[in-house]
Amino acid sequence: MSASGIAVVVSLIAGVAGGVQVGISGAFGRRIGVLEATAFASVVAAVVVVAATAAARQGLGGVAQAVHVPPWMWIGGVMGAVVVTTISYAPPLIGTFATIGLLIAGQLVAGVLIDSLGLFSLERIPLNAARIGGLILLTAGALLVLKR
């Protein structure tokens, strides 16, 4: 697979991760507060990047202290690391517009699943014809931005 092909795939994956991040961060913020949840998600993202750097560079180290929340809420920080890494990688290969379009497409898919299934302790919002139509149109738009 070409570098551009990989950029497309990781952009879509990052879009899904961003949608999941929104859902988890909403539940987390409701549990401990918006700023506090944002700060903790950033710490988790920093730990992932530090671990990746330590593994890649054969150095560095450190252990994060856990806080007293369910561990599934930490996934918001992991999703943030995916997004930040992808938006640093893909734009030079496929363009900023295409990267953002693909991120949004993935976020929309994740958002539909999170809403329709009521994941992460969030309110369940049923899928209807209007939402399906919007998802189709927005996804088509995201794919069209790949054309140069």
C-alpha atoms as a PDB file:
ATOM      1  CA  MET A   1       0.000   0.000   0.000  1.00  0.00           C
ATOM      2  CA  SER A   2       1.296   3.466  -0.866  1.00  0.00           C
ATOM      3  CA  ALA A   3       1.996   6.170   1.707  1.00  0.00           C
ATOM      4  CA  SER A   4      -1.094   8.019   0.463  1.00  0.00           C
ATOM      5  CA  GLY A   5      -3.169   4.860   0.850  1.00  0.00           C
ATOM      6  CA  ILE A   6      -1.908   4.458   4.397  1.00  0.00           C
ATOM      7  CA  ALA A   7      -2.707   8.139   5.042  1.00  0.00           C
ATOM      8  CA  VAL A   8      -6.291   7.521   3.881  1.00  0.00           C
ATOM      9  CA  VAL A   9      -6.662   4.477   6.145  1.00  0.00           C
ATOM     10  CA  VAL A  10      -5.148   6.140   9.217  1.00  0.00           C
ATOM     11  CA  SER A  11      -7.221   9.277   8.589  1.00  0.00           C
ATOM     12  CA  LEU A  12     -10.399   7.191   8.647  1.00  0.00           C
ATOM     13  CA  ILE A  13      -9.205   5.354  11.755  1.00  0.00           C
ATOM     14  CA  ALA A  14      -8.399   8.681  13.399  1.00  0.00           C
ATOM     15  CA  GLY A  15     -11.864   9.942  12.488  1.00  0.00           C
ATOM     16  CA  VAL A  16     -13.449   6.995  14.258  1.00  0.00           C
ATOM     17  CA  ALA A  17     -11.107   7.555  17.214  1.00  0.00           C
ATOM     18  CA  GLY A  18     -12.154  11.222  17.369  1.00  0.00           C
ATOM     19  CA  GLY A  19     -15.820  10.286  17.483  1.00  0.00           C
ATOM     20  CA  VAL A  20     -15.176   7.767  20.236  1.00  0.00           C
ATOM     21  CA  GLN A  21     -13.128  10.395  22.065  1.00  0.00           C
ATOM     22  CA  VAL A  22     -16.070  12.820  22.048  1.00  0.00           C
ATOM     23  CA  GLY A  23     -18.416  10.197  23.473  1.00  0.00           C
ATOM     24  CA  ILE A  24     -16.056   9.071  26.214  1.00  0.00           C
ATOM     25  CA  SER A  25     -14.961  12.592  27.073  1.00  0.00           C
ATOM     26  CA  GLY A  26     -18.604  13.617  27.474  1.00  0.00           C
ATOM     27  CA  ALA A  27     -19.226  10.810  29.957  1.00  0.00           C
ATOM     28  CA  PHE A  28     -15.925  11.479  31.714  1.00  0.00           C
ATOM     29  CA  GLY A  29     -16.600  15.220  31.897  1.00  0.00           C
ATOM     30  CA  ARG A  30     -20.009  14.574  33.375  1.00  0.00           C
ATOM     31  CA  ARG A  31     -18.352  12.349  35.999  1.00  0.00           C
ATOM     32  CA  ILE A  32     -15.503  14.630  37.170  1.00  0.00           C
ATOM     33  CA  GLY A  33     -15.882  17.971  35.306  1.00  0.00           C
ATOM     34  CA  VAL A  34     -15.069  19.150  31.772  1.00  0.00           C
ATOM     35  CA  LEU A  35     -11.693  20.783  32.440  1.00  0.00           C
ATOM     36  CA  GLU A  36     -10.614  17.973  34.715  1.00  0.00           C
ATOM     37  CA  ALA A  37     -11.564  15.343  32.117  1.00  0.00           C
ATOM     38  CA  THR A  38      -9.759  17.286  29.391  1.00  0.00           C
ATOM     39  CA  ALA A  39      -6.630  17.555  31.539  1.00  0.00           C
ATOM     40  CA  PHE A  40      -6.635  13.843  32.320  1.00  0.00           C
ATOM     41  CA  ALA A  41      -7.218  12.885  28.659  1.00  0.00           C
ATOM     42  CA  SER A  42      -4.202  15.017  27.756  1.00  0.00           C
ATOM     43  CA  VAL A  43      -2.094  13.257  30.384  1.00  0.00           C
ATOM     44  CA  VAL A  44      -3.118   9.854  28.973  1.00  0.00           C
ATOM     45  CA  ALA A  45      -2.209  11.030  25.454  1.00  0.00           C
ATOM     46  CA  ALA A  46       1.158  12.248  26.725  1.00  0.00           C
ATOM     47  CA  VAL A  47       1.834   8.868  28.347  1.00  0.00           C
ATOM     48  CA  VAL A  48       1.080   7.016  25.087  1.00  0.00           C
ATOM     49  CA  VAL A  49       3.382   9.296  23.115  1.00  0.00           C
ATOM     50  CA  VAL A  50       6.122   9.030  25.751  1.00  0.00           C
ATOM     51  CA  ALA A  51       5.814   5.208  25.674  1.00  0.00           C
ATOM     52  CA  ALA A  52       5.959   5.136  21.868  1.00  0.00           C
ATOM     53  CA  THR A  53       8.969   7.434  21.936  1.00  0.00           C
ATOM     54  CA  ALA A  54      10.710   5.313  24.584  1.00  0.00           C
ATOM     55  CA  ALA A  55      10.099   2.153  22.551  1.00  0.00           C
ATOM     56  CA  ALA A  56      11.206   3.739  19.281  1.00  0.00           C
ATOM     57  CA  ARG A  57      14.225   5.508  20.772  1.00  0.00           C
ATOM     58  CA  GLN A  58      15.258   2.848  23.312  1.00  0.00           C
ATOM     59  CA  GLY A  59      15.074   5.393  26.097  1.00  0.00           C
ATOM     60  CA  LEU A  60      12.890   7.523  28.325  1.00  0.00           C
ATOM     61  CA  GLY A  61      10.576   6.051  30.848  1.00  0.00           C
ATOM     62  CA  GLY A  62       7.949   6.839  33.354  1.00  0.00           C
ATOM     63  CA  VAL A  63       4.793   5.602  34.877  1.00  0.00           C
ATOM     64  CA  ALA A  64       1.542   7.534  35.139  1.00  0.00           C
ATOM     65  CA  GLN A  65      -0.408   7.558  38.349  1.00  0.00           C
ATOM     66  CA  ALA A  66      -3.956   6.276  38.027  1.00  0.00           C
ATOM     67  CA  VAL A  67      -6.887   8.318  39.215  1.00  0.00           C
ATOM     68  CA  HIS A  68     -10.039   6.940  40.721  1.00  0.00           C
ATOM     69  CA  VAL A  69     -12.253   6.608  37.667  1.00  0.00           C
ATOM     70  CA  PRO A  70     -13.209   3.526  35.656  1.00  0.00           C
ATOM     71  CA  PRO A  71     -10.314   2.688  33.321  1.00  0.00           C
ATOM     72  CA  TRP A  72     -12.553   2.669  30.214  1.00  0.00           C
ATOM     73  CA  MET A  73     -12.751   6.445  30.530  1.00  0.00           C
ATOM     74  CA  TRP A  74      -9.011   6.656  29.828  1.00  0.00           C
ATOM     75  CA  ILE A  75      -9.668   5.657  26.211  1.00  0.00           C
ATOM     76  CA  GLY A  76     -10.488   9.298  25.387  1.00  0.00           C
ATOM     77  CA  GLY A  77      -6.800  10.140  25.821  1.00  0.00           C
ATOM     78  CA  VAL A  78      -5.753   7.184  23.682  1.00  0.00           C
ATOM     79  CA  MET A  79      -8.112   8.361  20.927  1.00  0.00           C
ATOM     80  CA  GLY A  80      -6.580  11.844  21.172  1.00  0.00           C
ATOM     81  CA  ALA A  81      -3.120  10.400  20.559  1.00  0.00           C
ATOM     82  CA  VAL A  82      -4.424   8.696  17.390  1.00  0.00           C
ATOM     83  CA  VAL A  83      -5.961  11.945  16.118  1.00  0.00           C
ATOM     84  CA  VAL A  84      -2.942  14.124  16.869  1.00  0.00           C
ATOM     85  CA  THR A  85      -0.553  11.641  15.287  1.00  0.00           C
ATOM     86  CA  THR A  86      -2.699  11.280  12.161  1.00  0.00           C
ATOM     87  CA  ILE A  87      -3.187  15.000  11.629  1.00  0.00           C
ATOM     88  CA  SER A  88       0.575  15.339  11.811  1.00  0.00           C
ATOM     89  CA  TYR A  89       1.085  12.528   9.291  1.00  0.00           C
ATOM     90  CA  ALA A  90      -1.610  12.639   6.608  1.00  0.00           C
ATOM     91  CA  PRO A  91      -1.891  16.281   5.410  1.00  0.00           C
ATOM     92  CA  PRO A  92       1.454  16.365   3.567  1.00  0.00           C
ATOM     93  CA  LEU A  93       0.449  13.193   1.715  1.00  0.00           C
ATOM     94  CA  ILE A  94      -3.234  13.730   0.919  1.00  0.00           C
ATOM     95  CA  GLY A  95      -3.847  17.390   1.859  1.00  0.00           C
ATOM     96  CA  THR A  96      -5.372  19.095   4.848  1.00  0.00           C
ATOM     97  CA  PHE A  97      -8.881  19.195   3.394  1.00  0.00           C
ATOM     98  CA  ALA A  98      -8.883  15.466   2.603  1.00  0.00           C
ATOM     99  CA  THR A  99      -7.460  14.623   6.028  1.00  0.00           C
ATOM    100  CA  ILE A 100     -10.133  16.646   7.809  1.00  0.00           C
ATOM    101  CA  GLY A 101     -12.864  15.290   5.530  1.00  0.00           C
ATOM    102  CA  LEU A 102     -11.856  11.726   6.316  1.00  0.00           C
ATOM    103  CA  LEU A 103     -11.539  12.480  10.018  1.00  0.00           C
ATOM    104  CA  ILE A 104     -15.061  13.882   9.965  1.00  0.00           C
ATOM    105  CA  ALA A 105     -16.406  10.871   8.034  1.00  0.00           C
ATOM    106  CA  GLY A 106     -15.006   8.519  10.660  1.00  0.00           C
ATOM    107  CA  GLN A 107     -16.300  10.704  13.474  1.00  0.00           C
ATOM    108  CA  LEU A 108     -19.768  10.668  11.937  1.00  0.00           C
ATOM    109  CA  VAL A 109     -19.782   6.868  11.779  1.00  0.00           C
ATOM    110  CA  ALA A 110     -18.603   6.650  15.392  1.00  0.00           C
ATOM    111  CA  GLY A 111     -21.121   9.307  16.429  1.00  0.00           C
ATOM    112  CA  VAL A 112     -23.992   7.413  14.797  1.00  0.00           C
ATOM    113  CA  LEU A 113     -22.964   4.199  16.572  1.00  0.00           C
ATOM    114  CA  ILE A 114     -22.455   5.922  19.921  1.00  0.00           C
ATOM    115  CA  ASP A 115     -25.793   7.731  19.684  1.00  0.00           C
ATOM    116  CA  SER A 116     -27.859   4.869  18.302  1.00  0.00           C
ATOM    117  CA  LEU A 117     -26.454   2.348  20.785  1.00  0.00           C
ATOM    118  CA  GLY A 118     -26.218   4.743  23.738  1.00  0.00           C
ATOM    119  CA  LEU A 119     -22.576   3.836  24.305  1.00  0.00           C
ATOM    120  CA  PHE A 120     -20.416   5.249  27.110  1.00  0.00           C
ATOM    121  CA  SER A 121     -23.432   5.898  29.346  1.00  0.00           C
ATOM    122  CA  LEU A 122     -24.734   8.556  26.953  1.00  0.00           C
ATOM    123  CA  GLU A 123     -28.358   9.076  25.966  1.00  0.00           C
ATOM    124  CA  ARG A 124     -29.534   6.774  23.187  1.00  0.00           C
ATOM    125  CA  ILE A 125     -30.586   8.749  20.099  1.00  0.00           C
ATOM    126  CA  PRO A 126     -32.291   6.497  17.546  1.00  0.00           C
ATOM    127  CA  LEU A 127     -31.198   6.467  13.931  1.00  0.00           C
ATOM    128  CA  ASN A 128     -33.829   7.914  11.583  1.00  0.00           C
ATOM    129  CA  ALA A 129     -34.098   8.648   7.859  1.00  0.00           C
ATOM    130  CA  ALA A 130     -32.843  12.230   8.220  1.00  0.00           C
ATOM    131  CA  ARG A 131     -29.768  11.153  10.167  1.00  0.00           C
ATOM    132  CA  ILE A 132     -29.016   8.358   7.691  1.00  0.00           C
ATOM    133  CA  GLY A 133     -29.376  10.823   4.789  1.00  0.00           C
ATOM    134  CA  GLY A 134     -27.073  13.313   6.487  1.00  0.00           C
ATOM    135  CA  LEU A 135     -24.507  10.617   7.184  1.00  0.00           C
ATOM    136  CA  ILE A 136     -24.570   9.490   3.556  1.00  0.00           C
ATOM    137  CA  LEU A 137     -24.204  13.047   2.229  1.00  0.00           C
ATOM    138  CA  LEU A 138     -21.432  14.002   4.648  1.00  0.00           C
ATOM    139  CA  THR A 139     -19.554  10.762   3.987  1.00  0.00           C
ATOM    140  CA  ALA A 140     -19.863  11.322   0.229  1.00  0.00           C
ATOM    141  CA  GLY A 141     -18.499  14.841   0.708  1.00  0.00           C
ATOM    142  CA  ALA A 142     -15.577  13.541   2.729  1.00  0.00           C
ATOM    143  CA  LEU A 143     -14.738  11.056  -0.035  1.00  0.00           C
ATOM    144  CA  LEU A 144     -15.044  13.727  -2.739  1.00  0.00           C
ATOM    145  CA  VAL A 145     -12.329  15.834  -1.114  1.00  0.00           C
ATOM    146  CA  LEU A 146      -9.839  13.096  -1.998  1.00  0.00           C
ATOM    147  CA  LYS A 147     -10.159  14.169  -5.643  1.00  0.00           C
ATOM    148  CA  ARG A 148      -7.567  16.772  -6.607  1.00  0.00           C
END
